[in-house]
Amino acid sequence: MSYSICLLDAGGRTQHTAFAPYQDDAAALARARAQVVDSAIVELWKGDHLLARLFRDPPREELVQ
């Protein structure tokens, strides 16, 4: 199955997209996780379905008062 791994900057703008076949979702996710070191946000897509959105620095939750 073919997957796409999209590297995004902190503002959510696409910087690079790579298309590649992987044996399964787990193998594609492992490759996406390796990319999060170099990119603020990494998205893993299978066709038009978003499988994962990974963050180098997890988003901060705002305090609600």
PDB file of N, CA and C in Angstrom:
ATOM      1  N   MET A   1       0.848  -1.178   0.000  1.00  0.00           N
ATOM      2  CA  MET A   1       0.000   0.000   0.000  1.00  0.00           C
ATOM      3  C   MET A   1       0.891   1.238   0.000  1.00  0.00           C
ATOM      4  N   SER A   2       0.474   2.259  -0.699  1.00  0.00           N
ATOM      5  CA  SER A   2       1.247   3.492  -0.783  1.00  0.00           C
ATOM      6  C   SER A   2       0.781   4.499   0.270  1.00  0.00           C
ATOM      7  N   TYR A   3       1.731   5.148   0.899  1.00  0.00           N
ATOM      8  CA  TYR A   3       1.481   6.134   1.950  1.00  0.00           C
ATOM      9  C   TYR A   3       2.178   7.434   1.582  1.00  0.00           C
ATOM     10  N   SER A   4       1.726   8.512   2.187  1.00  0.00           N
ATOM     11  CA  SER A   4       2.463   9.765   2.066  1.00  0.00           C
ATOM     12  C   SER A   4       2.769  10.279   3.453  1.00  0.00           C
ATOM     13  N   ILE A   5       3.986  10.776   3.603  1.00  0.00           N
ATOM     14  CA  ILE A   5       4.434  11.387   4.850  1.00  0.00           C
ATOM     15  C   ILE A   5       4.692  12.846   4.541  1.00  0.00           C
ATOM     16  N   CYS A   6       3.945  13.722   5.210  1.00  0.00           N
ATOM     17  CA  CYS A   6       4.030  15.159   4.974  1.00  0.00           C
ATOM     18  C   CYS A   6       4.735  15.828   6.145  1.00  0.00           C
ATOM     19  N   LEU A   7       5.776  16.585   5.846  1.00  0.00           N
ATOM     20  CA  LEU A   7       6.508  17.336   6.855  1.00  0.00           C
ATOM     21  C   LEU A   7       5.991  18.767   6.834  1.00  0.00           C
ATOM     22  N   LEU A   8       5.530  19.258   7.990  1.00  0.00           N
ATOM     23  CA  LEU A   8       4.963  20.589   8.100  1.00  0.00           C
ATOM     24  C   LEU A   8       5.773  21.428   9.073  1.00  0.00           C
ATOM     25  N   ASP A   9       5.770  22.738   8.847  1.00  0.00           N
ATOM     26  CA  ASP A   9       6.428  23.629   9.797  1.00  0.00           C
ATOM     27  C   ASP A   9       5.489  23.882  10.974  1.00  0.00           C
ATOM     28  N   ALA A  10       5.925  24.665  11.943  1.00  0.00           N
ATOM     29  CA  ALA A  10       5.129  24.912  13.156  1.00  0.00           C
ATOM     30  C   ALA A  10       3.804  25.607  12.846  1.00  0.00           C
ATOM     31  N   GLY A  11       3.726  26.306  11.725  1.00  0.00           N
ATOM     32  CA  GLY A  11       2.495  26.978  11.320  1.00  0.00           C
ATOM     33  C   GLY A  11       1.556  26.088  10.523  1.00  0.00           C
ATOM     34  N   GLY A  12       1.943  24.830  10.304  1.00  0.00           N
ATOM     35  CA  GLY A  12       1.096  23.888   9.589  1.00  0.00           C
ATOM     36  C   GLY A  12       1.252  23.925   8.076  1.00  0.00           C
ATOM     37  N   ARG A  13       2.270  24.602   7.575  1.00  0.00           N
ATOM     38  CA  ARG A  13       2.512  24.683   6.133  1.00  0.00           C
ATOM     39  C   ARG A  13       3.401  23.519   5.677  1.00  0.00           C
ATOM     40  N   THR A  14       3.000  22.872   4.612  1.00  0.00           N
ATOM     41  CA  THR A  14       3.743  21.736   4.089  1.00  0.00           C
ATOM     42  C   THR A  14       5.113  22.171   3.581  1.00  0.00           C
ATOM     43  N   GLN A  15       6.146  21.507   4.051  1.00  0.00           N
ATOM     44  CA  GLN A  15       7.516  21.761   3.631  1.00  0.00           C
ATOM     45  C   GLN A  15       8.017  20.699   2.654  1.00  0.00           C
ATOM     46  N   HIS A  16       7.522  19.470   2.835  1.00  0.00           N
ATOM     47  CA  HIS A  16       7.970  18.360   1.988  1.00  0.00           C
ATOM     48  C   HIS A  16       6.971  17.214   2.113  1.00  0.00           C
ATOM     49  N   THR A  17       6.757  16.514   1.028  1.00  0.00           N
ATOM     50  CA  THR A  17       5.907  15.322   1.045  1.00  0.00           C
ATOM     51  C   THR A  17       6.648  14.200   0.337  1.00  0.00           C
ATOM     52  N   ALA A  18       6.649  13.029   0.965  1.00  0.00           N
ATOM     53  CA  ALA A  18       7.273  11.849   0.370  1.00  0.00           C
ATOM     54  C   ALA A  18       6.227  10.749   0.238  1.00  0.00           C
ATOM     55  N   PHE A  19       6.191  10.116  -0.918  1.00  0.00           N
ATOM     56  CA  PHE A  19       5.281   9.003  -1.180  1.00  0.00           C
ATOM     57  C   PHE A  19       6.104   7.726  -1.246  1.00  0.00           C
ATOM     58  N   ALA A  20       5.641   6.690  -0.529  1.00  0.00           N
ATOM     59  CA  ALA A  20       6.386   5.432  -0.535  1.00  0.00           C
ATOM     60  C   ALA A  20       5.471   4.277  -0.141  1.00  0.00           C
ATOM     61  N   PRO A  21       5.777   3.086  -0.632  1.00  0.00           N
ATOM     62  CA  PRO A  21       5.027   1.909  -0.205  1.00  0.00           C
ATOM     63  C   PRO A  21       5.603   1.360   1.106  1.00  0.00           C
ATOM     64  N   TYR A  22       4.740   0.922   1.978  1.00  0.00           N
ATOM     65  CA  TYR A  22       5.143   0.254   3.220  1.00  0.00           C
ATOM     66  C   TYR A  22       4.326  -1.018   3.358  1.00  0.00           C
ATOM     67  N   GLN A  23       4.851  -1.956   4.104  1.00  0.00           N
ATOM     68  CA  GLN A  23       4.191  -3.250   4.264  1.00  0.00           C
ATOM     69  C   GLN A  23       2.821  -3.101   4.931  1.00  0.00           C
ATOM     70  N   ASP A  24       2.736  -2.202   5.923  1.00  0.00           N
ATOM     71  CA  ASP A  24       1.475  -2.012   6.637  1.00  0.00           C
ATOM     72  C   ASP A  24       1.491  -0.664   7.361  1.00  0.00           C
ATOM     73  N   ASP A  25       0.392  -0.355   8.065  1.00  0.00           N
ATOM     74  CA  ASP A  25       0.280   0.919   8.779  1.00  0.00           C
ATOM     75  C   ASP A  25       1.374   1.076   9.828  1.00  0.00           C
ATOM     76  N   ALA A  26       1.706   0.007  10.523  1.00  0.00           N
ATOM     77  CA  ALA A  26       2.712   0.080  11.587  1.00  0.00           C
ATOM     78  C   ALA A  26       4.085   0.464  11.029  1.00  0.00           C
ATOM     79  N   ALA A  27       4.445  -0.091   9.890  1.00  0.00           N
ATOM     80  CA  ALA A  27       5.738   0.241   9.277  1.00  0.00           C
ATOM     81  C   ALA A  27       5.759   1.701   8.816  1.00  0.00           C
ATOM     82  N   ALA A  28       4.662   2.163   8.246  1.00  0.00           N
ATOM     83  CA  ALA A  28       4.578   3.559   7.807  1.00  0.00           C
ATOM     84  C   ALA A  28       4.622   4.503   9.007  1.00  0.00           C
ATOM     85  N   LEU A  29       3.949   4.144  10.084  1.00  0.00           N
ATOM     86  CA  LEU A  29       3.947   4.972  11.291  1.00  0.00           C
ATOM     87  C   LEU A  29       5.340   5.044  11.917  1.00  0.00           C
ATOM     88  N   ALA A  30       6.062   3.949  11.903  1.00  0.00           N
ATOM     89  CA  ALA A  30       7.433   3.951  12.434  1.00  0.00           C
ATOM     90  C   ALA A  30       8.307   4.914  11.644  1.00  0.00           C
ATOM     91  N   ARG A  31       8.139   4.943  10.329  1.00  0.00           N
ATOM     92  CA  ARG A  31       8.923   5.865   9.494  1.00  0.00           C
ATOM     93  C   ARG A  31       8.514   7.313   9.758  1.00  0.00           C
ATOM     94  N   ALA A  32       7.231   7.558   9.925  1.00  0.00           N
ATOM     95  CA  ALA A  32       6.741   8.913  10.225  1.00  0.00           C
ATOM     96  C   ALA A  32       7.292   9.395  11.566  1.00  0.00           C
ATOM     97  N   ARG A  33       7.303   8.517  12.559  1.00  0.00           N
ATOM     98  CA  ARG A  33       7.834   8.887  13.880  1.00  0.00           C
ATOM     99  C   ARG A  33       9.315   9.268  13.790  1.00  0.00           C
ATOM    100  N   ALA A  34      10.053   8.622  12.933  1.00  0.00           N
ATOM    101  CA  ALA A  34      11.471   8.947  12.772  1.00  0.00           C
ATOM    102  C   ALA A  34      11.649  10.335  12.166  1.00  0.00           C
ATOM    103  N   GLN A  35      10.672  10.805  11.407  1.00  0.00           N
ATOM    104  CA  GLN A  35      10.752  12.113  10.756  1.00  0.00           C
ATOM    105  C   GLN A  35      10.445  13.276  11.697  1.00  0.00           C
ATOM    106  N   VAL A  36       9.776  13.012  12.812  1.00  0.00           N
ATOM    107  CA  VAL A  36       9.351  14.093  13.705  1.00  0.00           C
ATOM    108  C   VAL A  36      10.537  14.783  14.382  1.00  0.00           C
ATOM    109  N   VAL A  37      11.697  14.184  14.355  1.00  0.00           N
ATOM    110  CA  VAL A  37      12.909  14.809  14.898  1.00  0.00           C
ATOM    111  C   VAL A  37      13.285  16.043  14.081  1.00  0.00           C
ATOM    112  N   ASP A  38      13.045  15.991  12.773  1.00  0.00           N
ATOM    113  CA  ASP A  38      13.458  17.051  11.858  1.00  0.00           C
ATOM    114  C   ASP A  38      12.345  18.016  11.464  1.00  0.00           C
ATOM    115  N   SER A  39      11.136  17.758  11.898  1.00  0.00           N
ATOM    116  CA  SER A  39      10.009  18.578  11.466  1.00  0.00           C
ATOM    117  C   SER A  39       9.081  18.838  12.649  1.00  0.00           C
ATOM    118  N   ALA A  40       8.473  20.024  12.690  1.00  0.00           N
ATOM    119  CA  ALA A  40       7.576  20.376  13.799  1.00  0.00           C
ATOM    120  C   ALA A  40       6.344  19.479  13.833  1.00  0.00           C
ATOM    121  N   ILE A  41       5.803  19.180  12.653  1.00  0.00           N
ATOM    122  CA  ILE A  41       4.600  18.351  12.550  1.00  0.00           C
ATOM    123  C   ILE A  41       4.810  17.357  11.413  1.00  0.00           C
ATOM    124  N   VAL A  42       4.404  16.116  11.640  1.00  0.00           N
ATOM    125  CA  VAL A  42       4.468  15.095  10.595  1.00  0.00           C
ATOM    126  C   VAL A  42       3.087  14.462  10.475  1.00  0.00           C
ATOM    127  N   GLU A  43       2.577  14.431   9.249  1.00  0.00           N
ATOM    128  CA  GLU A  43       1.297  13.766   9.004  1.00  0.00           C
ATOM    129  C   GLU A  43       1.542  12.514   8.175  1.00  0.00           C
ATOM    130  N   LEU A  44       0.836  11.449   8.538  1.00  0.00           N
ATOM    131  CA  LEU A  44       0.893  10.193   7.796  1.00  0.00           C
ATOM    132  C   LEU A  44      -0.463   9.983   7.145  1.00  0.00           C
ATOM    133  N   TRP A  45      -0.455   9.858   5.816  1.00  0.00           N
ATOM    134  CA  TRP A  45      -1.674   9.675   5.040  1.00  0.00           C
ATOM    135  C   TRP A  45      -1.647   8.342   4.312  1.00  0.00           C
ATOM    136  N   LYS A  46      -2.801   7.712   4.262  1.00  0.00           N
ATOM    137  CA  LYS A  46      -3.008   6.496   3.461  1.00  0.00           C
ATOM    138  C   LYS A  46      -4.150   6.842   2.513  1.00  0.00           C
ATOM    139  N   GLY A  47      -3.784   7.140   1.281  1.00  0.00           N
ATOM    140  CA  GLY A  47      -4.790   7.653   0.355  1.00  0.00           C
ATOM    141  C   GLY A  47      -5.250   9.022   0.837  1.00  0.00           C
ATOM    142  N   ASP A  48      -6.564   9.198   0.991  1.00  0.00           N
ATOM    143  CA  ASP A  48      -7.093  10.472   1.484  1.00  0.00           C
ATOM    144  C   ASP A  48      -7.483  10.395   2.960  1.00  0.00           C
ATOM    145  N   HIS A  49      -6.963   9.392   3.665  1.00  0.00           N
ATOM    146  CA  HIS A  49      -7.276   9.185   5.081  1.00  0.00           C
ATOM    147  C   HIS A  49      -6.057   9.540   5.945  1.00  0.00           C
ATOM    148  N   LEU A  50      -6.230  10.492   6.849  1.00  0.00           N
ATOM    149  CA  LEU A  50      -5.163  10.858   7.776  1.00  0.00           C
ATOM    150  C   LEU A  50      -5.058   9.795   8.867  1.00  0.00           C
ATOM    151  N   LEU A  51      -3.915   9.108   8.919  1.00  0.00           N
ATOM    152  CA  LEU A  51      -3.716   8.063   9.926  1.00  0.00           C
ATOM    153  C   LEU A  51      -3.147   8.623  11.222  1.00  0.00           C
ATOM    154  N   ALA A  52      -2.268   9.625  11.111  1.00  0.00           N
ATOM    155  CA  ALA A  52      -1.625  10.161  12.321  1.00  0.00           C
ATOM    156  C   ALA A  52      -1.112  11.566  12.062  1.00  0.00           C
ATOM    157  N   ARG A  53      -1.162  12.379  13.104  1.00  0.00           N
ATOM    158  CA  ARG A  53      -0.515  13.700  13.102  1.00  0.00           C
ATOM    159  C   ARG A  53       0.388  13.712  14.330  1.00  0.00           C
ATOM    160  N   LEU A  54       1.683  13.805  14.090  1.00  0.00           N
ATOM    161  CA  LEU A  54       2.678  13.735  15.151  1.00  0.00           C
ATOM    162  C   LEU A  54       3.323  15.100  15.336  1.00  0.00           C
ATOM    163  N   PHE A  55       3.605  15.458  16.578  1.00  0.00           N
ATOM    164  CA  PHE A  55       4.199  16.747  16.896  1.00  0.00           C
ATOM    165  C   PHE A  55       5.540  16.552  17.582  1.00  0.00           C
ATOM    166  N   ARG A  56       6.545  17.310  17.132  1.00  0.00           N
ATOM    167  CA  ARG A  56       7.844  17.278  17.802  1.00  0.00           C
ATOM    168  C   ARG A  56       7.679  17.790  19.230  1.00  0.00           C
ATOM    169  N   ASP A  57       6.975  18.910  19.386  1.00  0.00           N
ATOM    170  CA  ASP A  57       6.654  19.477  20.693  1.00  0.00           C
ATOM    171  C   ASP A  57       5.141  19.464  20.820  1.00  0.00           C
ATOM    172  N   PRO A  58       4.602  18.628  21.693  1.00  0.00           N
ATOM    173  CA  PRO A  58       3.144  18.533  21.812  1.00  0.00           C
ATOM    174  C   PRO A  58       2.505  19.908  22.046  1.00  0.00           C
ATOM    175  N   PRO A  59       1.343  20.144  21.440  1.00  0.00           N
ATOM    176  CA  PRO A  59       0.646  21.425  21.622  1.00  0.00           C
ATOM    177  C   PRO A  59       0.322  21.651  23.101  1.00  0.00           C
ATOM    178  N   ARG A  60       0.434  22.897  23.517  1.00  0.00           N
ATOM    179  CA  ARG A  60       0.105  23.230  24.909  1.00  0.00           C
ATOM    180  C   ARG A  60      -1.384  23.447  25.054  1.00  0.00           C
ATOM    181  N   GLU A  61      -1.910  22.943  26.129  1.00  0.00           N
ATOM    182  CA  GLU A  61      -3.327  23.160  26.408  1.00  0.00           C
ATOM    183  C   GLU A  61      -3.455  24.468  27.172  1.00  0.00           C
ATOM    184  N   GLU A  62      -4.353  25.326  26.725  1.00  0.00           N
ATOM    185  CA  GLU A  62      -4.597  26.587  27.401  1.00  0.00           C
ATOM    186  C   GLU A  62      -5.422  26.343  28.652  1.00  0.00           C
ATOM    187  N   LEU A  63      -5.140  27.098  29.683  1.00  0.00           N
ATOM    188  CA  LEU A  63      -5.913  26.995  30.910  1.00  0.00           C
ATOM    189  C   LEU A  63      -7.261  27.665  30.708  1.00  0.00           C
ATOM    190  N   VAL A  64      -8.312  26.987  31.075  1.00  0.00           N
ATOM    191  CA  VAL A  64      -9.656  27.524  30.954  1.00  0.00           C
ATOM    192  C   VAL A  64     -10.104  27.957  32.331  1.00  0.00           C
ATOM    193  N   GLN A  65     -10.561  29.217  32.418  1.00  0.00           N
ATOM    194  CA  GLN A  65     -11.022  29.720  33.717  1.00  0.00           C
ATOM    195  C   GLN A  65     -12.494  29.989  33.699  1.00  0.00           C
TER     196      GLN A  65
END
